[in-house]
């Protein structure tokens, strides 16, 4: 376990981006993502997180029917140019959801675009929703991104419903857990308001949700992207229907005080509890890849 990670020395401003993607239109969605990166950078954000499969739309049948056109191609995809350029121009790290087509297989992924506009890493969703299992392959490793001394663990939608997933990131020394998701109208909003405060409080770390608005893949989504603090309290929240950015500061002193007051994470370690869900990681330092923990942790080429 690597729980005793160094503390970040200064706040980190992050943004959760919510919008409605165009079905299977990677070009249009990359342009939207690039514009939102620029908007977030103007607000001072260093890291921007987008919803699950934002670059492709959720659209499982569309993607399965034409993966060459409707999924992002592993190994480099020139259609992402506006997004890569926006990250490079603004010095911003983007974590953006996409269906990824890799060696004939499909994955639900979060792509990490570094502050130089390079493809730094890829996290593949480890816990697939039942309707996804016939189309996508599950990921086999977690992903930790480090920016300005903040260790940020990545998750995608259904991952966040399992306490072990966020706990694995926390045991890897993460200070925050960043999730792109699709939560729908109806029970989705309730689930998100149960899961994210719990993941935050149980692990004394910030949590962030970037959700869709509008309809994608037949799902009527509920927006309400948000950030919670390490005690599970809501910091900032978007509305439910409109494209919007939620910007919040991750505060190292608040994190420290929370972990001093609520010692569950340290006590878990000290009790020699069994390791949680594997978080053998791709690690990205200040938005740039540093280490691949094992071969199945899917680095992206530069």
C-alpha atoms as a PDB file:
ATOM      1  CA  UNK A   1       0.000   0.000   0.000  1.00  0.00           C
ATOM      2  CA  UNK A   2       1.171   3.555  -0.686  1.00  0.00           C
ATOM      3  CA  UNK A   3      -1.234   5.410   1.577  1.00  0.00           C
ATOM      4  CA  UNK A   4       1.432   7.684   3.070  1.00  0.00           C
ATOM      5  CA  UNK A   5       1.823   9.851  -0.018  1.00  0.00           C
ATOM      6  CA  UNK A   6       3.233  13.388   0.259  1.00  0.00           C
ATOM      7  CA  UNK A   7       0.690  16.124   0.914  1.00  0.00           C
ATOM      8  CA  UNK A   8      -0.018  18.601  -1.862  1.00  0.00           C
ATOM      9  CA  UNK A   9       1.409  21.994  -0.994  1.00  0.00           C
ATOM     10  CA  UNK A  10      -1.181  24.252  -2.636  1.00  0.00           C
ATOM     11  CA  UNK A  11      -4.811  24.176  -3.803  1.00  0.00           C
ATOM     12  CA  UNK A  12      -5.774  22.688  -7.141  1.00  0.00           C
ATOM     13  CA  UNK A  13      -8.697  24.100  -9.110  1.00  0.00           C
ATOM     14  CA  UNK A  14     -10.691  21.435 -10.948  1.00  0.00           C
ATOM     15  CA  UNK A  15     -13.739  21.568 -13.204  1.00  0.00           C
ATOM     16  CA  UNK A  16     -16.520  19.099 -13.976  1.00  0.00           C
ATOM     17  CA  UNK A  17     -17.883  19.669 -17.474  1.00  0.00           C
ATOM     18  CA  UNK A  18     -21.437  18.650 -18.343  1.00  0.00           C
ATOM     19  CA  UNK A  19     -22.960  18.850 -21.817  1.00  0.00           C
ATOM     20  CA  UNK A  20     -24.943  16.736 -24.285  1.00  0.00           C
ATOM     21  CA  UNK A  21     -22.776  14.940 -26.900  1.00  0.00           C
ATOM     22  CA  UNK A  22     -23.669  14.407 -30.538  1.00  0.00           C
ATOM     23  CA  UNK A  23     -24.379  10.692 -31.233  1.00  0.00           C
ATOM     24  CA  UNK A  24     -21.272   9.024 -32.646  1.00  0.00           C
ATOM     25  CA  UNK A  25     -19.821  12.334 -33.855  1.00  0.00           C
ATOM     26  CA  UNK A  26     -16.263  12.370 -32.506  1.00  0.00           C
ATOM     27  CA  UNK A  27     -15.344  15.517 -34.458  1.00  0.00           C
ATOM     28  CA  UNK A  28     -18.210  17.589 -33.046  1.00  0.00           C
ATOM     29  CA  UNK A  29     -17.730  16.300 -29.513  1.00  0.00           C
ATOM     30  CA  UNK A  30     -13.978  16.956 -29.551  1.00  0.00           C
ATOM     31  CA  UNK A  31     -14.720  20.536 -30.630  1.00  0.00           C
ATOM     32  CA  UNK A  32     -17.208  20.936 -27.753  1.00  0.00           C
ATOM     33  CA  UNK A  33     -14.711  19.478 -25.292  1.00  0.00           C
ATOM     34  CA  UNK A  34     -11.972  21.792 -26.565  1.00  0.00           C
ATOM     35  CA  UNK A  35     -14.194  24.842 -26.114  1.00  0.00           C
ATOM     36  CA  UNK A  36     -15.084  23.767 -22.576  1.00  0.00           C
ATOM     37  CA  UNK A  37     -11.402  23.222 -21.719  1.00  0.00           C
ATOM     38  CA  UNK A  38     -10.715  26.800 -22.783  1.00  0.00           C
ATOM     39  CA  UNK A  39     -13.649  28.061 -20.722  1.00  0.00           C
ATOM     40  CA  UNK A  40     -12.465  26.124 -17.680  1.00  0.00           C
ATOM     41  CA  UNK A  41      -8.919  27.430 -18.104  1.00  0.00           C
ATOM     42  CA  UNK A  42     -10.247  30.994 -18.141  1.00  0.00           C
ATOM     43  CA  UNK A  43     -11.830  30.205 -14.770  1.00  0.00           C
ATOM     44  CA  UNK A  44      -8.443  29.037 -13.477  1.00  0.00           C
ATOM     45  CA  UNK A  45      -9.011  25.277 -13.635  1.00  0.00           C
ATOM     46  CA  UNK A  46      -5.938  23.078 -14.067  1.00  0.00           C
ATOM     47  CA  UNK A  47      -7.879  19.809 -14.558  1.00  0.00           C
ATOM     48  CA  UNK A  48     -11.172  19.311 -16.435  1.00  0.00           C
ATOM     49  CA  UNK A  49     -13.221  16.102 -16.222  1.00  0.00           C
ATOM     50  CA  UNK A  50     -15.852  15.137 -18.827  1.00  0.00           C
ATOM     51  CA  UNK A  51     -18.715  12.610 -18.658  1.00  0.00           C
ATOM     52  CA  UNK A  52     -18.558   8.936 -19.556  1.00  0.00           C
ATOM     53  CA  UNK A  53     -18.156   8.342 -23.333  1.00  0.00           C
ATOM     54  CA  UNK A  54     -18.517  12.069 -24.012  1.00  0.00           C
ATOM     55  CA  UNK A  55     -16.380  12.002 -27.169  1.00  0.00           C
ATOM     56  CA  UNK A  56     -18.597   9.359 -28.758  1.00  0.00           C
ATOM     57  CA  UNK A  57     -21.916   9.733 -27.003  1.00  0.00           C
ATOM     58  CA  UNK A  58     -23.067   6.822 -24.851  1.00  0.00           C
ATOM     59  CA  UNK A  59     -24.714   5.106 -27.912  1.00  0.00           C
ATOM     60  CA  UNK A  60     -23.824   1.398 -27.426  1.00  0.00           C
ATOM     61  CA  UNK A  61     -25.545   0.064 -30.562  1.00  0.00           C
ATOM     62  CA  UNK A  62     -24.226   2.850 -32.783  1.00  0.00           C
ATOM     63  CA  UNK A  63     -20.698   2.224 -31.532  1.00  0.00           C
ATOM     64  CA  UNK A  64     -20.939  -1.562 -31.871  1.00  0.00           C
ATOM     65  CA  UNK A  65     -22.333  -1.203 -35.392  1.00  0.00           C
ATOM     66  CA  UNK A  66     -19.571   1.095 -36.679  1.00  0.00           C
ATOM     67  CA  UNK A  67     -16.608   1.228 -34.274  1.00  0.00           C
ATOM     68  CA  UNK A  68     -14.227   2.674 -36.866  1.00  0.00           C
ATOM     69  CA  UNK A  69     -16.358   5.806 -37.179  1.00  0.00           C
ATOM     70  CA  UNK A  70     -18.164   6.078 -33.844  1.00  0.00           C
ATOM     71  CA  UNK A  71     -15.426   5.087 -31.375  1.00  0.00           C
ATOM     72  CA  UNK A  72     -12.083   6.754 -30.684  1.00  0.00           C
ATOM     73  CA  UNK A  73      -9.254   4.776 -32.258  1.00  0.00           C
ATOM     74  CA  UNK A  74      -6.468   3.638 -29.944  1.00  0.00           C
ATOM     75  CA  UNK A  75      -2.959   4.595 -30.988  1.00  0.00           C
ATOM     76  CA  UNK A  76      -3.943   8.139 -31.969  1.00  0.00           C
ATOM     77  CA  UNK A  77      -7.052   9.712 -33.475  1.00  0.00           C
ATOM     78  CA  UNK A  78      -6.666  12.913 -35.484  1.00  0.00           C
ATOM     79  CA  UNK A  79     -10.310  13.832 -34.859  1.00  0.00           C
ATOM     80  CA  UNK A  80      -9.367  14.874 -31.326  1.00  0.00           C
ATOM     81  CA  UNK A  81      -7.260  17.775 -32.627  1.00  0.00           C
ATOM     82  CA  UNK A  82      -9.376  20.626 -31.154  1.00  0.00           C
ATOM     83  CA  UNK A  83      -9.259  19.050 -27.711  1.00  0.00           C
ATOM     84  CA  UNK A  84      -5.514  18.371 -27.799  1.00  0.00           C
ATOM     85  CA  UNK A  85      -4.834  21.895 -29.036  1.00  0.00           C
ATOM     86  CA  UNK A  86      -6.978  23.425 -26.288  1.00  0.00           C
ATOM     87  CA  UNK A  87      -5.067  21.505 -23.614  1.00  0.00           C
ATOM     88  CA  UNK A  88      -1.737  22.578 -25.094  1.00  0.00           C
ATOM     89  CA  UNK A  89      -2.736  26.219 -25.544  1.00  0.00           C
ATOM     90  CA  UNK A  90      -4.059  26.546 -21.985  1.00  0.00           C
ATOM     91  CA  UNK A  91      -1.743  24.175 -20.102  1.00  0.00           C
ATOM     92  CA  UNK A  92      -4.763  22.196 -18.902  1.00  0.00           C
ATOM     93  CA  UNK A  93      -5.114  18.470 -18.189  1.00  0.00           C
ATOM     94  CA  UNK A  94      -8.348  16.954 -19.568  1.00  0.00           C
ATOM     95  CA  UNK A  95      -9.861  13.632 -18.496  1.00  0.00           C
ATOM     96  CA  UNK A  96     -12.451  12.824 -21.131  1.00  0.00           C
ATOM     97  CA  UNK A  97     -14.711   9.815 -21.592  1.00  0.00           C
ATOM     98  CA  UNK A  98     -14.854   7.827 -24.829  1.00  0.00           C
ATOM     99  CA  UNK A  99     -15.641   4.436 -26.250  1.00  0.00           C
ATOM    100  CA  UNK A 100     -12.235   3.247 -27.480  1.00  0.00           C
ATOM    101  CA  UNK A 101     -11.617   0.743 -30.287  1.00  0.00           C
ATOM    102  CA  UNK A 102      -8.384  -1.132 -29.607  1.00  0.00           C
ATOM    103  CA  UNK A 103      -7.160  -4.233 -31.486  1.00  0.00           C
ATOM    104  CA  UNK A 104     -10.681  -5.241 -32.428  1.00  0.00           C
ATOM    105  CA  UNK A 105     -12.074  -4.786 -28.910  1.00  0.00           C
ATOM    106  CA  UNK A 106     -14.171  -1.988 -27.432  1.00  0.00           C
ATOM    107  CA  UNK A 107     -13.567  -0.348 -24.050  1.00  0.00           C
ATOM    108  CA  UNK A 108     -15.328   2.312 -21.987  1.00  0.00           C
ATOM    109  CA  UNK A 109     -12.407   4.599 -21.258  1.00  0.00           C
ATOM    110  CA  UNK A 110     -11.234   7.841 -19.743  1.00  0.00           C
ATOM    111  CA  UNK A 111      -8.485   9.441 -21.833  1.00  0.00           C
ATOM    112  CA  UNK A 112      -5.939  11.610 -20.034  1.00  0.00           C
ATOM    113  CA  UNK A 113      -4.767  14.491 -22.226  1.00  0.00           C
ATOM    114  CA  UNK A 114      -1.730  16.206 -20.738  1.00  0.00           C
ATOM    115  CA  UNK A 115      -0.973  19.908 -20.547  1.00  0.00           C
ATOM    116  CA  UNK A 116       1.189  19.669 -23.686  1.00  0.00           C
ATOM    117  CA  UNK A 117      -1.726  18.255 -25.682  1.00  0.00           C
ATOM    118  CA  UNK A 118      -0.373  14.689 -25.649  1.00  0.00           C
ATOM    119  CA  UNK A 119      -2.256  11.447 -25.016  1.00  0.00           C
ATOM    120  CA  UNK A 120      -0.831  10.611 -21.604  1.00  0.00           C
ATOM    121  CA  UNK A 121      -2.824   7.583 -20.408  1.00  0.00           C
ATOM    122  CA  UNK A 122      -6.051   5.630 -20.702  1.00  0.00           C
ATOM    123  CA  UNK A 123      -8.133   4.206 -17.920  1.00  0.00           C
ATOM    124  CA  UNK A 124     -10.582   1.458 -18.935  1.00  0.00           C
ATOM    125  CA  UNK A 125     -13.752   1.023 -16.849  1.00  0.00           C
ATOM    126  CA  UNK A 126     -13.237  -1.949 -14.557  1.00  0.00           C
ATOM    127  CA  UNK A 127     -16.827  -2.638 -13.466  1.00  0.00           C
ATOM    128  CA  UNK A 128     -19.155  -2.719 -16.451  1.00  0.00           C
ATOM    129  CA  UNK A 129     -22.901  -2.238 -16.107  1.00  0.00           C
ATOM    130  CA  UNK A 130     -24.810  -5.376 -17.108  1.00  0.00           C
ATOM    131  CA  UNK A 131     -25.994  -3.910 -20.431  1.00  0.00           C
ATOM    132  CA  UNK A 132     -22.387  -3.060 -21.385  1.00  0.00           C
ATOM    133  CA  UNK A 133     -20.900  -6.520 -20.912  1.00  0.00           C
ATOM    134  CA  UNK A 134     -21.851  -7.886 -24.329  1.00  0.00           C
ATOM    135  CA  UNK A 135     -20.156  -4.981 -26.099  1.00  0.00           C
ATOM    136  CA  UNK A 136     -17.158  -3.862 -24.032  1.00  0.00           C
ATOM    137  CA  UNK A 137     -14.163  -5.471 -22.376  1.00  0.00           C
ATOM    138  CA  UNK A 138     -13.508  -4.600 -18.700  1.00  0.00           C
ATOM    139  CA  UNK A 139     -10.366  -2.769 -17.679  1.00  0.00           C
ATOM    140  CA  UNK A 140      -7.747  -4.575 -15.618  1.00  0.00           C
ATOM    141  CA  UNK A 141      -5.973  -1.731 -13.834  1.00  0.00           C
ATOM    142  CA  UNK A 142      -6.601   1.566 -12.132  1.00  0.00           C
ATOM    143  CA  UNK A 143      -5.110   4.933 -13.021  1.00  0.00           C
ATOM    144  CA  UNK A 144      -3.627   7.642 -10.817  1.00  0.00           C
ATOM    145  CA  UNK A 145      -2.938  11.100 -12.229  1.00  0.00           C
ATOM    146  CA  UNK A 146      -0.729  13.509 -10.300  1.00  0.00           C
ATOM    147  CA  UNK A 147      -1.057  17.250 -10.924  1.00  0.00           C
ATOM    148  CA  UNK A 148       0.613  19.897  -8.739  1.00  0.00           C
ATOM    149  CA  UNK A 149       1.232  17.281  -6.052  1.00  0.00           C
ATOM    150  CA  UNK A 150      -2.405  16.136  -5.983  1.00  0.00           C
ATOM    151  CA  UNK A 151      -2.916  12.425  -6.592  1.00  0.00           C
ATOM    152  CA  UNK A 152      -6.172  11.922  -8.489  1.00  0.00           C
ATOM    153  CA  UNK A 153      -7.740   8.480  -8.859  1.00  0.00           C
ATOM    154  CA  UNK A 154      -9.961   7.880 -11.893  1.00  0.00           C
ATOM    155  CA  UNK A 155     -13.277   6.050 -12.095  1.00  0.00           C
ATOM    156  CA  UNK A 156     -16.081   5.717 -14.656  1.00  0.00           C
ATOM    157  CA  UNK A 157     -19.760   5.676 -13.660  1.00  0.00           C
ATOM    158  CA  UNK A 158     -20.620   2.205 -12.266  1.00  0.00           C
ATOM    159  CA  UNK A 159     -17.120   1.889 -10.763  1.00  0.00           C
ATOM    160  CA  UNK A 160     -18.157   4.517  -8.215  1.00  0.00           C
ATOM    161  CA  UNK A 161     -21.004   2.352  -6.911  1.00  0.00           C
ATOM    162  CA  UNK A 162     -18.485  -0.074  -5.411  1.00  0.00           C
ATOM    163  CA  UNK A 163     -16.669   1.125  -2.260  1.00  0.00           C
ATOM    164  CA  UNK A 164     -13.655  -1.034  -3.113  1.00  0.00           C
ATOM    165  CA  UNK A 165     -12.921   0.960  -6.243  1.00  0.00           C
ATOM    166  CA  UNK A 166     -12.502   4.338  -4.555  1.00  0.00           C
ATOM    167  CA  UNK A 167     -10.781   2.648  -1.594  1.00  0.00           C
ATOM    168  CA  UNK A 168      -8.169   1.173  -3.939  1.00  0.00           C
ATOM    169  CA  UNK A 169      -7.413   4.689  -5.183  1.00  0.00           C
ATOM    170  CA  UNK A 170      -7.204   5.990  -1.613  1.00  0.00           C
ATOM    171  CA  UNK A 171      -4.808   3.203  -0.649  1.00  0.00           C
ATOM    172  CA  UNK A 172      -2.692   4.239  -3.623  1.00  0.00           C
ATOM    173  CA  UNK A 173      -2.319   7.615  -1.928  1.00  0.00           C
ATOM    174  CA  UNK A 174      -4.986   9.507  -3.865  1.00  0.00           C
ATOM    175  CA  UNK A 175      -6.346  12.761  -2.469  1.00  0.00           C
ATOM    176  CA  UNK A 176      -9.329  12.918  -4.841  1.00  0.00           C
ATOM    177  CA  UNK A 177     -11.484  10.556  -6.900  1.00  0.00           C
ATOM    178  CA  UNK A 178     -12.608  11.886 -10.297  1.00  0.00           C
ATOM    179  CA  UNK A 179     -15.450  10.182 -12.151  1.00  0.00           C
ATOM    180  CA  UNK A 180     -17.062  10.744 -15.553  1.00  0.00           C
ATOM    181  CA  UNK A 181     -20.494   9.126 -15.587  1.00  0.00           C
ATOM    182  CA  UNK A 182     -23.963   8.774 -17.018  1.00  0.00           C
ATOM    183  CA  UNK A 183     -26.628   9.098 -14.334  1.00  0.00           C
ATOM    184  CA  UNK A 184     -30.178   9.220 -15.629  1.00  0.00           C
ATOM    185  CA  UNK A 185     -33.411  10.886 -14.612  1.00  0.00           C
ATOM    186  CA  UNK A 186     -35.170   8.823 -11.973  1.00  0.00           C
ATOM    187  CA  UNK A 187     -32.979   6.762  -9.682  1.00  0.00           C
ATOM    188  CA  UNK A 188     -29.693   8.067 -11.102  1.00  0.00           C
ATOM    189  CA  UNK A 189     -29.706  11.322  -9.180  1.00  0.00           C
ATOM    190  CA  UNK A 190     -30.478   9.487  -5.945  1.00  0.00           C
ATOM    191  CA  UNK A 191     -27.662   6.991  -6.561  1.00  0.00           C
ATOM    192  CA  UNK A 192     -25.128   9.726  -7.242  1.00  0.00           C
ATOM    193  CA  UNK A 193     -26.106  11.551  -4.044  1.00  0.00           C
ATOM    194  CA  UNK A 194     -25.617   8.351  -2.069  1.00  0.00           C
ATOM    195  CA  UNK A 195     -22.420   7.110  -3.674  1.00  0.00           C
ATOM    196  CA  UNK A 196     -20.241  10.200  -3.986  1.00  0.00           C
ATOM    197  CA  UNK A 197     -20.583  11.590  -0.448  1.00  0.00           C
ATOM    198  CA  UNK A 198     -19.980   8.056   0.852  1.00  0.00           C
ATOM    199  CA  UNK A 199     -16.867   7.552  -1.273  1.00  0.00           C
ATOM    200  CA  UNK A 200     -15.615  10.946  -0.057  1.00  0.00           C
ATOM    201  CA  UNK A 201     -16.255  10.383   3.646  1.00  0.00           C
ATOM    202  CA  UNK A 202     -15.139   6.754   3.816  1.00  0.00           C
ATOM    203  CA  UNK A 203     -11.784   7.646   2.254  1.00  0.00           C
ATOM    204  CA  UNK A 204     -11.458  11.264   3.446  1.00  0.00           C
ATOM    205  CA  UNK A 205     -10.813  12.478  -0.088  1.00  0.00           C
ATOM    206  CA  UNK A 206     -12.476  14.864  -2.495  1.00  0.00           C
ATOM    207  CA  UNK A 207     -14.846  13.324  -5.036  1.00  0.00           C
ATOM    208  CA  UNK A 208     -15.940  14.802  -8.370  1.00  0.00           C
ATOM    209  CA  UNK A 209     -18.753  13.759 -10.702  1.00  0.00           C
ATOM    210  CA  UNK A 210     -19.022  14.912 -14.338  1.00  0.00           C
ATOM    211  CA  UNK A 211     -22.429  13.853 -15.719  1.00  0.00           C
ATOM    212  CA  UNK A 212     -24.301  14.283 -18.987  1.00  0.00           C
ATOM    213  CA  UNK A 213     -27.294  16.498 -19.651  1.00  0.00           C
ATOM    214  CA  UNK A 214     -29.936  15.781 -22.281  1.00  0.00           C
ATOM    215  CA  UNK A 215     -30.388  12.413 -23.995  1.00  0.00           C
ATOM    216  CA  UNK A 216     -27.628  10.063 -25.120  1.00  0.00           C
ATOM    217  CA  UNK A 217     -27.900   6.405 -26.078  1.00  0.00           C
ATOM    218  CA  UNK A 218     -31.564   6.430 -25.146  1.00  0.00           C
ATOM    219  CA  UNK A 219     -30.892   7.602 -21.597  1.00  0.00           C
ATOM    220  CA  UNK A 220     -32.495  10.809 -20.310  1.00  0.00           C
ATOM    221  CA  UNK A 221     -29.714  12.124 -18.095  1.00  0.00           C
ATOM    222  CA  UNK A 222     -29.945  14.242 -14.953  1.00  0.00           C
ATOM    223  CA  UNK A 223     -26.886  16.544 -14.975  1.00  0.00           C
ATOM    224  CA  UNK A 224     -26.074  17.828 -11.461  1.00  0.00           C
ATOM    225  CA  UNK A 225     -22.310  17.419 -11.860  1.00  0.00           C
ATOM    226  CA  UNK A 226     -20.723  18.183  -8.516  1.00  0.00           C
ATOM    227  CA  UNK A 227     -17.756  18.148  -6.135  1.00  0.00           C
ATOM    228  CA  UNK A 228     -17.797  16.852  -2.541  1.00  0.00           C
ATOM    229  CA  UNK A 229     -15.199  17.537   0.154  1.00  0.00           C
ATOM    230  CA  UNK A 230     -13.327  14.896   2.224  1.00  0.00           C
ATOM    231  CA  UNK A 231     -16.105  14.873   4.847  1.00  0.00           C
ATOM    232  CA  UNK A 232     -18.782  14.150   2.229  1.00  0.00           C
ATOM    233  CA  UNK A 233     -20.197  17.677   2.145  1.00  0.00           C
ATOM    234  CA  UNK A 234     -21.267  19.197  -1.162  1.00  0.00           C
ATOM    235  CA  UNK A 235     -18.875  21.924  -2.378  1.00  0.00           C
ATOM    236  CA  UNK A 236     -20.359  22.896  -5.763  1.00  0.00           C
ATOM    237  CA  UNK A 237     -23.148  21.592  -7.992  1.00  0.00           C
ATOM    238  CA  UNK A 238     -24.483  22.194 -11.506  1.00  0.00           C
ATOM    239  CA  UNK A 239     -28.095  22.311 -12.611  1.00  0.00           C
ATOM    240  CA  UNK A 240     -29.849  19.313 -14.094  1.00  0.00           C
ATOM    241  CA  UNK A 241     -30.582  20.346 -17.679  1.00  0.00           C
ATOM    242  CA  UNK A 242     -28.062  22.803 -19.149  1.00  0.00           C
ATOM    243  CA  UNK A 243     -24.458  22.566 -20.340  1.00  0.00           C
ATOM    244  CA  UNK A 244     -22.336  23.937 -17.537  1.00  0.00           C
ATOM    245  CA  UNK A 245     -18.950  23.906 -15.817  1.00  0.00           C
ATOM    246  CA  UNK A 246     -18.641  23.331 -12.074  1.00  0.00           C
ATOM    247  CA  UNK A 247     -15.382  24.752 -10.730  1.00  0.00           C
ATOM    248  CA  UNK A 248     -14.007  24.031  -7.246  1.00  0.00           C
ATOM    249  CA  UNK A 249     -10.741  24.311  -5.359  1.00  0.00           C
ATOM    250  CA  UNK A 250      -9.234  21.241  -3.703  1.00  0.00           C
ATOM    251  CA  UNK A 251      -7.715  22.581  -0.471  1.00  0.00           C
ATOM    252  CA  UNK A 252      -4.762  20.679   1.062  1.00  0.00           C
ATOM    253  CA  UNK A 253      -5.321  22.092   4.557  1.00  0.00           C
ATOM    254  CA  UNK A 254      -8.963  21.064   4.534  1.00  0.00           C
ATOM    255  CA  UNK A 255      -7.895  17.602   3.377  1.00  0.00           C
ATOM    256  CA  UNK A 256      -5.321  17.374   6.178  1.00  0.00           C
ATOM    257  CA  UNK A 257      -7.810  18.447   8.845  1.00  0.00           C
ATOM    258  CA  UNK A 258     -10.376  15.952   7.587  1.00  0.00           C
ATOM    259  CA  UNK A 259      -7.912  13.076   7.767  1.00  0.00           C
ATOM    260  CA  UNK A 260      -6.789  14.093  11.243  1.00  0.00           C
ATOM    261  CA  UNK A 261     -10.403  14.209  12.462  1.00  0.00           C
ATOM    262  CA  UNK A 262     -11.660  11.084  10.658  1.00  0.00           C
ATOM    263  CA  UNK A 263      -9.047   8.322  10.771  1.00  0.00           C
ATOM    264  CA  UNK A 264     -10.880   5.471   9.033  1.00  0.00           C
ATOM    265  CA  UNK A 265      -8.440   5.299   6.138  1.00  0.00           C
ATOM    266  CA  UNK A 266      -5.347   5.167   8.359  1.00  0.00           C
ATOM    267  CA  UNK A 267      -7.037   2.702  10.697  1.00  0.00           C
ATOM    268  CA  UNK A 268      -7.909   0.477   7.735  1.00  0.00           C
ATOM    269  CA  UNK A 269      -4.248   0.402   6.765  1.00  0.00           C
ATOM    270  CA  UNK A 270      -3.046  -0.190  10.303  1.00  0.00           C
ATOM    271  CA  UNK A 271      -5.445  -3.095  10.753  1.00  0.00           C
ATOM    272  CA  UNK A 272      -3.730  -4.832   7.804  1.00  0.00           C
ATOM    273  CA  UNK A 273      -7.020  -5.233   5.964  1.00  0.00           C
ATOM    274  CA  UNK A 274      -6.909  -7.137   2.694  1.00  0.00           C
ATOM    275  CA  UNK A 275      -6.077  -5.142  -0.411  1.00  0.00           C
ATOM    276  CA  UNK A 276      -9.137  -3.811  -2.229  1.00  0.00           C
ATOM    277  CA  UNK A 277      -9.878  -3.862  -5.968  1.00  0.00           C
ATOM    278  CA  UNK A 278      -6.617  -3.874  -7.924  1.00  0.00           C
ATOM    279  CA  UNK A 279      -5.266  -0.387  -8.557  1.00  0.00           C
ATOM    280  CA  UNK A 280      -2.075  -1.364 -10.341  1.00  0.00           C
ATOM    281  CA  UNK A 281      -1.800   1.928 -12.058  1.00  0.00           C
ATOM    282  CA  UNK A 282      -0.818   4.084 -14.906  1.00  0.00           C
ATOM    283  CA  UNK A 283       0.702   7.085 -13.192  1.00  0.00           C
ATOM    284  CA  UNK A 284       0.782  10.548 -14.721  1.00  0.00           C
ATOM    285  CA  UNK A 285       2.858  13.254 -13.033  1.00  0.00           C
ATOM    286  CA  UNK A 286       1.875  16.883 -13.667  1.00  0.00           C
ATOM    287  CA  UNK A 287      -0.104  15.686 -16.626  1.00  0.00           C
ATOM    288  CA  UNK A 288       2.766  13.674 -18.116  1.00  0.00           C
ATOM    289  CA  UNK A 289       3.194   9.871 -18.045  1.00  0.00           C
ATOM    290  CA  UNK A 290       5.886   8.645 -15.678  1.00  0.00           C
ATOM    291  CA  UNK A 291       5.359   4.985 -14.957  1.00  0.00           C
ATOM    292  CA  UNK A 292       3.337   2.057 -16.209  1.00  0.00           C
ATOM    293  CA  UNK A 293       2.842  -0.328 -13.310  1.00  0.00           C
ATOM    294  CA  UNK A 294       2.048  -3.327 -15.517  1.00  0.00           C
ATOM    295  CA  UNK A 295       1.487  -4.100 -19.168  1.00  0.00           C
ATOM    296  CA  UNK A 296      -2.302  -4.325 -18.896  1.00  0.00           C
ATOM    297  CA  UNK A 297      -2.570  -0.738 -17.684  1.00  0.00           C
ATOM    298  CA  UNK A 298      -3.089   0.626 -21.207  1.00  0.00           C
ATOM    299  CA  UNK A 299      -0.771   3.606 -21.745  1.00  0.00           C
ATOM    300  CA  UNK A 300      -1.567   5.966 -24.560  1.00  0.00           C
ATOM    301  CA  UNK A 301       1.141   6.711 -27.150  1.00  0.00           C
ATOM    302  CA  UNK A 302       2.715  10.168 -27.332  1.00  0.00           C
END
